[in-house]
N, C-alpha and C. Protein backbone atom coordinates (compact mmCIF):
# COMPACT_ATOMS: atom_id res chain seq x y z
N MET A 1 52.40 22.97 -10.48
CA MET A 1 51.27 23.88 -10.54
C MET A 1 49.96 23.21 -10.09
N ILE A 2 49.72 21.95 -10.52
CA ILE A 2 48.47 21.28 -10.14
C ILE A 2 48.41 21.08 -8.62
N GLY A 3 49.53 20.85 -7.95
CA GLY A 3 49.55 20.71 -6.49
C GLY A 3 49.16 21.96 -5.76
N ASP A 4 49.20 23.11 -6.46
CA ASP A 4 48.78 24.38 -5.85
C ASP A 4 47.28 24.53 -5.76
N PHE A 5 46.51 23.70 -6.40
CA PHE A 5 45.04 23.80 -6.43
C PHE A 5 44.45 23.12 -5.19
N ARG A 6 44.69 23.75 -4.02
CA ARG A 6 44.31 23.13 -2.78
C ARG A 6 42.98 23.71 -2.20
N HIS A 7 42.39 24.70 -2.84
CA HIS A 7 41.15 25.28 -2.35
C HIS A 7 39.98 24.64 -3.10
N LEU A 8 39.06 24.01 -2.40
CA LEU A 8 37.88 23.38 -2.99
C LEU A 8 36.74 24.43 -2.91
N VAL A 9 36.32 24.85 -4.12
CA VAL A 9 35.24 25.87 -4.22
C VAL A 9 34.01 25.27 -4.86
N THR A 10 32.89 25.96 -4.76
CA THR A 10 31.70 25.60 -5.48
C THR A 10 31.35 26.71 -6.44
N PHE A 11 31.06 26.41 -7.69
CA PHE A 11 30.65 27.35 -8.71
C PHE A 11 29.18 27.27 -8.91
N GLN A 12 28.52 28.42 -9.02
CA GLN A 12 27.06 28.46 -9.25
C GLN A 12 26.76 29.52 -10.34
N ASP A 13 25.70 29.25 -11.07
CA ASP A 13 25.14 30.25 -12.01
C ASP A 13 23.78 30.62 -11.57
N PRO A 14 23.28 31.81 -12.03
CA PRO A 14 21.90 32.19 -11.69
C PRO A 14 20.90 31.15 -12.16
N GLY A 15 19.98 30.84 -11.28
CA GLY A 15 18.88 29.90 -11.61
C GLY A 15 17.64 30.69 -12.05
N ASP A 16 16.56 30.00 -12.13
CA ASP A 16 15.30 30.65 -12.49
C ASP A 16 14.81 31.57 -11.35
N PRO A 17 14.28 32.74 -11.70
CA PRO A 17 13.74 33.60 -10.62
C PRO A 17 12.48 32.95 -10.02
N VAL A 18 12.32 33.14 -8.74
CA VAL A 18 11.19 32.59 -8.00
C VAL A 18 10.35 33.74 -7.49
N PRO A 19 9.01 33.72 -7.71
CA PRO A 19 8.17 34.78 -7.21
C PRO A 19 8.28 34.87 -5.69
N ASP A 20 8.33 36.14 -5.18
CA ASP A 20 8.53 36.32 -3.73
C ASP A 20 7.20 36.50 -2.98
N GLY A 21 6.05 36.49 -3.70
CA GLY A 21 4.75 36.58 -3.06
C GLY A 21 4.25 38.02 -2.92
N VAL A 22 5.06 39.03 -3.23
CA VAL A 22 4.65 40.43 -3.13
C VAL A 22 4.88 41.14 -4.45
N GLY A 23 4.85 40.41 -5.57
CA GLY A 23 4.99 41.02 -6.90
C GLY A 23 6.38 41.07 -7.45
N GLY A 24 7.36 40.63 -6.68
CA GLY A 24 8.75 40.62 -7.18
C GLY A 24 9.30 39.22 -7.34
N TYR A 25 10.57 39.13 -7.48
CA TYR A 25 11.22 37.85 -7.66
C TYR A 25 12.45 37.76 -6.82
N THR A 26 12.81 36.54 -6.42
CA THR A 26 14.02 36.26 -5.67
C THR A 26 14.96 35.49 -6.58
N GLN A 27 16.26 35.91 -6.55
CA GLN A 27 17.27 35.23 -7.35
C GLN A 27 17.63 33.92 -6.71
N THR A 28 17.63 32.86 -7.48
CA THR A 28 18.09 31.54 -7.00
C THR A 28 19.37 31.22 -7.71
N TRP A 29 20.13 30.24 -7.19
CA TRP A 29 21.40 29.87 -7.74
C TRP A 29 21.40 28.34 -7.94
N ALA A 30 22.04 27.91 -9.04
CA ALA A 30 22.13 26.48 -9.33
C ALA A 30 23.64 26.10 -9.50
N ASP A 31 23.99 25.00 -8.86
CA ASP A 31 25.37 24.52 -8.98
C ASP A 31 25.69 24.16 -10.45
N LEU A 32 26.93 24.49 -10.84
CA LEU A 32 27.43 24.06 -12.16
C LEU A 32 27.67 22.60 -12.08
N GLN A 33 27.89 21.95 -13.24
CA GLN A 33 28.21 20.51 -13.26
C GLN A 33 29.60 20.36 -13.83
N PRO A 34 30.56 19.85 -13.15
CA PRO A 34 30.49 19.51 -11.70
C PRO A 34 30.54 20.79 -10.87
N PRO A 35 29.90 20.79 -9.69
CA PRO A 35 29.80 22.00 -8.89
C PRO A 35 31.09 22.36 -8.15
N THR A 36 31.86 21.36 -7.66
CA THR A 36 33.06 21.71 -6.90
C THR A 36 34.29 21.55 -7.79
N TRP A 37 35.31 22.38 -7.45
CA TRP A 37 36.50 22.46 -8.30
C TRP A 37 37.66 22.84 -7.41
N HIS A 38 38.81 22.21 -7.65
CA HIS A 38 40.03 22.56 -6.93
C HIS A 38 40.77 23.68 -7.67
N VAL A 39 41.03 24.78 -6.93
CA VAL A 39 41.66 25.95 -7.54
C VAL A 39 42.69 26.50 -6.54
N GLN A 40 43.43 27.47 -7.00
CA GLN A 40 44.31 28.26 -6.19
C GLN A 40 43.72 29.65 -6.08
N ILE A 41 43.56 30.20 -4.88
CA ILE A 41 43.04 31.52 -4.65
C ILE A 41 44.14 32.37 -4.03
N ALA A 42 44.40 33.55 -4.57
CA ALA A 42 45.44 34.44 -4.01
C ALA A 42 44.97 35.89 -4.13
N PRO A 43 45.39 36.74 -3.20
CA PRO A 43 45.09 38.17 -3.36
C PRO A 43 45.56 38.68 -4.71
N LEU A 44 44.84 39.56 -5.29
CA LEU A 44 45.14 40.10 -6.61
C LEU A 44 46.11 41.24 -6.49
N ALA A 45 47.25 41.12 -7.17
CA ALA A 45 48.25 42.21 -7.24
C ALA A 45 48.03 42.98 -8.52
N ALA A 46 48.57 44.18 -8.62
CA ALA A 46 48.42 45.05 -9.78
C ALA A 46 48.95 44.31 -11.02
N HIS A 47 50.08 43.62 -10.95
CA HIS A 47 50.61 42.96 -12.17
C HIS A 47 49.71 41.83 -12.62
N ASP A 48 48.96 41.18 -11.69
CA ASP A 48 48.04 40.14 -12.10
C ASP A 48 46.90 40.75 -12.93
N LEU A 49 46.36 41.90 -12.49
CA LEU A 49 45.29 42.55 -13.20
C LEU A 49 45.71 43.00 -14.58
N GLU A 50 46.96 43.48 -14.70
CA GLU A 50 47.47 43.88 -16.01
C GLU A 50 47.56 42.67 -16.93
N ARG A 51 48.05 41.53 -16.43
CA ARG A 51 48.17 40.34 -17.24
C ARG A 51 46.79 39.80 -17.62
N MET A 52 45.84 39.85 -16.70
CA MET A 52 44.50 39.36 -16.98
C MET A 52 43.79 40.17 -18.03
N SER A 53 44.01 41.49 -18.07
CA SER A 53 43.26 42.32 -18.98
C SER A 53 43.64 42.08 -20.45
N ALA A 54 44.82 41.56 -20.68
CA ALA A 54 45.27 41.31 -22.06
C ALA A 54 44.41 40.26 -22.77
N GLY A 55 43.94 39.23 -22.06
CA GLY A 55 43.20 38.18 -22.73
C GLY A 55 41.85 37.95 -22.08
N SER A 56 41.33 38.91 -21.35
CA SER A 56 40.09 38.73 -20.60
C SER A 56 38.83 38.85 -21.51
N SER A 57 37.78 38.18 -21.08
CA SER A 57 36.51 38.39 -21.73
C SER A 57 35.86 39.69 -21.17
N VAL A 58 36.26 40.08 -19.96
CA VAL A 58 35.78 41.28 -19.33
C VAL A 58 36.96 41.92 -18.61
N ILE A 59 37.15 43.19 -18.81
CA ILE A 59 38.23 43.93 -18.11
C ILE A 59 37.59 44.61 -16.93
N THR A 60 37.99 44.25 -15.74
CA THR A 60 37.37 44.83 -14.52
C THR A 60 38.35 44.72 -13.38
N THR A 61 37.87 45.05 -12.20
CA THR A 61 38.70 44.94 -11.04
C THR A 61 38.22 43.78 -10.19
N GLY A 62 39.04 43.33 -9.31
CA GLY A 62 38.70 42.24 -8.41
C GLY A 62 39.60 42.26 -7.22
N SER A 63 39.36 41.36 -6.27
CA SER A 63 40.19 41.33 -5.07
C SER A 63 41.06 40.07 -5.02
N HIS A 64 40.73 39.08 -5.85
CA HIS A 64 41.49 37.81 -5.89
C HIS A 64 41.65 37.30 -7.27
N VAL A 65 42.74 36.54 -7.47
CA VAL A 65 42.96 35.83 -8.70
C VAL A 65 42.79 34.33 -8.40
N VAL A 66 42.03 33.65 -9.24
CA VAL A 66 41.70 32.24 -9.04
C VAL A 66 42.29 31.50 -10.24
N ARG A 67 43.11 30.47 -9.97
CA ARG A 67 43.73 29.69 -11.02
C ARG A 67 43.37 28.24 -10.84
N GLY A 68 43.11 27.53 -11.94
CA GLY A 68 42.79 26.14 -11.86
C GLY A 68 42.67 25.53 -13.21
N ARG A 69 42.32 24.24 -13.23
CA ARG A 69 42.04 23.56 -14.48
C ARG A 69 40.80 24.20 -15.09
N TYR A 70 40.75 24.25 -16.40
CA TYR A 70 39.61 24.88 -17.10
C TYR A 70 38.31 24.22 -16.73
N HIS A 71 37.30 25.04 -16.48
CA HIS A 71 35.91 24.59 -16.21
C HIS A 71 35.05 25.27 -17.24
N PRO A 72 34.46 24.54 -18.21
CA PRO A 72 33.77 25.15 -19.30
C PRO A 72 32.51 25.95 -18.91
N GLY A 73 31.98 25.74 -17.73
CA GLY A 73 30.77 26.43 -17.31
C GLY A 73 31.03 27.79 -16.68
N VAL A 74 32.25 28.11 -16.29
CA VAL A 74 32.49 29.36 -15.56
C VAL A 74 32.50 30.55 -16.48
N SER A 75 31.77 31.59 -16.09
CA SER A 75 31.68 32.81 -16.88
C SER A 75 31.54 33.99 -15.90
N THR A 76 31.37 35.19 -16.39
CA THR A 76 31.21 36.34 -15.53
C THR A 76 29.80 36.38 -14.88
N LYS A 77 28.93 35.45 -15.21
CA LYS A 77 27.65 35.30 -14.51
C LYS A 77 27.77 34.42 -13.31
N THR A 78 28.87 33.70 -13.22
CA THR A 78 29.12 32.68 -12.18
C THR A 78 29.49 33.35 -10.87
N ARG A 79 29.11 32.69 -9.77
CA ARG A 79 29.66 33.07 -8.47
C ARG A 79 30.37 31.90 -7.91
N MET A 80 31.27 32.18 -6.96
CA MET A 80 32.13 31.15 -6.35
C MET A 80 31.93 31.20 -4.86
N LEU A 81 31.74 30.04 -4.23
CA LEU A 81 31.56 29.93 -2.78
C LEU A 81 32.82 29.27 -2.21
N PHE A 82 33.39 29.91 -1.17
CA PHE A 82 34.57 29.34 -0.52
C PHE A 82 34.62 29.85 0.92
N ASN A 83 34.77 28.89 1.85
CA ASN A 83 34.90 29.19 3.29
C ASN A 83 33.85 30.17 3.80
N GLY A 84 32.63 29.99 3.43
CA GLY A 84 31.54 30.80 3.89
C GLY A 84 31.46 32.18 3.23
N LYS A 85 32.29 32.42 2.21
CA LYS A 85 32.28 33.73 1.53
C LYS A 85 31.77 33.48 0.10
N THR A 86 31.20 34.51 -0.49
CA THR A 86 30.73 34.45 -1.86
C THR A 86 31.49 35.48 -2.69
N TYR A 87 31.97 35.04 -3.86
CA TYR A 87 32.77 35.87 -4.76
C TYR A 87 32.06 35.94 -6.09
N SER A 88 32.04 37.15 -6.68
CA SER A 88 31.56 37.31 -8.05
C SER A 88 32.76 37.12 -8.97
N ILE A 89 32.57 36.37 -10.06
CA ILE A 89 33.60 36.21 -11.06
C ILE A 89 33.49 37.44 -11.96
N THR A 90 34.57 38.24 -11.96
CA THR A 90 34.55 39.53 -12.69
C THR A 90 35.35 39.52 -13.96
N GLY A 91 36.10 38.46 -14.20
CA GLY A 91 36.89 38.33 -15.43
C GLY A 91 37.34 36.89 -15.61
N THR A 92 37.41 36.45 -16.87
CA THR A 92 37.86 35.12 -17.17
C THR A 92 38.90 35.12 -18.26
N ARG A 93 39.82 34.17 -18.20
CA ARG A 93 40.85 34.05 -19.21
C ARG A 93 41.29 32.58 -19.26
N THR A 94 41.48 32.07 -20.47
CA THR A 94 42.06 30.73 -20.61
C THR A 94 43.55 30.95 -20.52
N ALA A 95 44.18 30.49 -19.46
CA ALA A 95 45.58 30.80 -19.15
C ALA A 95 46.55 30.28 -20.19
N ASP A 96 46.25 29.19 -20.86
CA ASP A 96 47.18 28.57 -21.80
C ASP A 96 46.70 28.59 -23.25
N GLU A 97 45.55 29.19 -23.48
CA GLU A 97 44.94 29.27 -24.82
C GLU A 97 44.58 27.89 -25.40
N ARG A 98 44.64 26.86 -24.61
CA ARG A 98 44.31 25.52 -25.09
C ARG A 98 43.13 24.91 -24.32
N GLY A 99 42.55 25.70 -23.42
CA GLY A 99 41.40 25.19 -22.64
C GLY A 99 41.80 24.20 -21.59
N ILE A 100 43.04 24.25 -21.11
CA ILE A 100 43.47 23.35 -20.01
C ILE A 100 43.47 24.02 -18.68
N PHE A 101 43.91 25.27 -18.63
CA PHE A 101 43.94 26.05 -17.38
C PHE A 101 43.16 27.37 -17.56
N MET A 102 42.65 27.87 -16.46
CA MET A 102 41.94 29.14 -16.48
C MET A 102 42.43 30.06 -15.38
N GLU A 103 42.31 31.34 -15.59
CA GLU A 103 42.55 32.36 -14.60
C GLU A 103 41.32 33.21 -14.51
N LEU A 104 40.86 33.50 -13.29
CA LEU A 104 39.70 34.29 -13.06
C LEU A 104 40.07 35.46 -12.15
N THR A 105 39.37 36.56 -12.32
CA THR A 105 39.38 37.61 -11.28
C THR A 105 38.08 37.45 -10.51
N ALA A 106 38.15 37.59 -9.22
CA ALA A 106 36.96 37.47 -8.37
C ALA A 106 36.94 38.55 -7.32
N ALA A 107 35.72 39.06 -7.05
CA ALA A 107 35.54 40.08 -6.00
C ALA A 107 34.61 39.53 -4.95
N GLU A 108 35.08 39.66 -3.70
CA GLU A 108 34.25 39.19 -2.62
C GLU A 108 32.97 40.03 -2.52
N GLN A 109 31.84 39.37 -2.37
CA GLN A 109 30.53 40.07 -2.25
C GLN A 109 30.37 40.35 -0.75
N VAL A 110 30.07 41.62 -0.46
CA VAL A 110 29.87 42.04 0.91
C VAL A 110 28.40 42.34 1.09
N THR A 111 27.73 41.66 2.01
CA THR A 111 26.35 41.91 2.26
C THR A 111 26.19 42.89 3.41
N PRO A 112 25.30 43.86 3.24
CA PRO A 112 25.08 44.87 4.28
C PRO A 112 24.46 44.31 5.53
């Protein structure tokens, strides 16, 4: 299983808002510590979503399932960067209930 974690991703959480100069704010992102993590990324099948919903902190839809060693900083506020794409973490689950492995649902963010 550990040999399957061949995708190196970066995890980020929302940072402090920065004034944009016209009365609004721009969202910034800060890398988690450690920021990079080796995971397995696979397209999400219906049976994966059913399994995830049983122990999820959030029940939602996604396009990919991400599996890897547990990272204590990852939550549904986190985003994941991989191969020039950005993914929102839409669900989290501790895969083994011991805090050793995690399963995430992730949805690719599409910018207009």
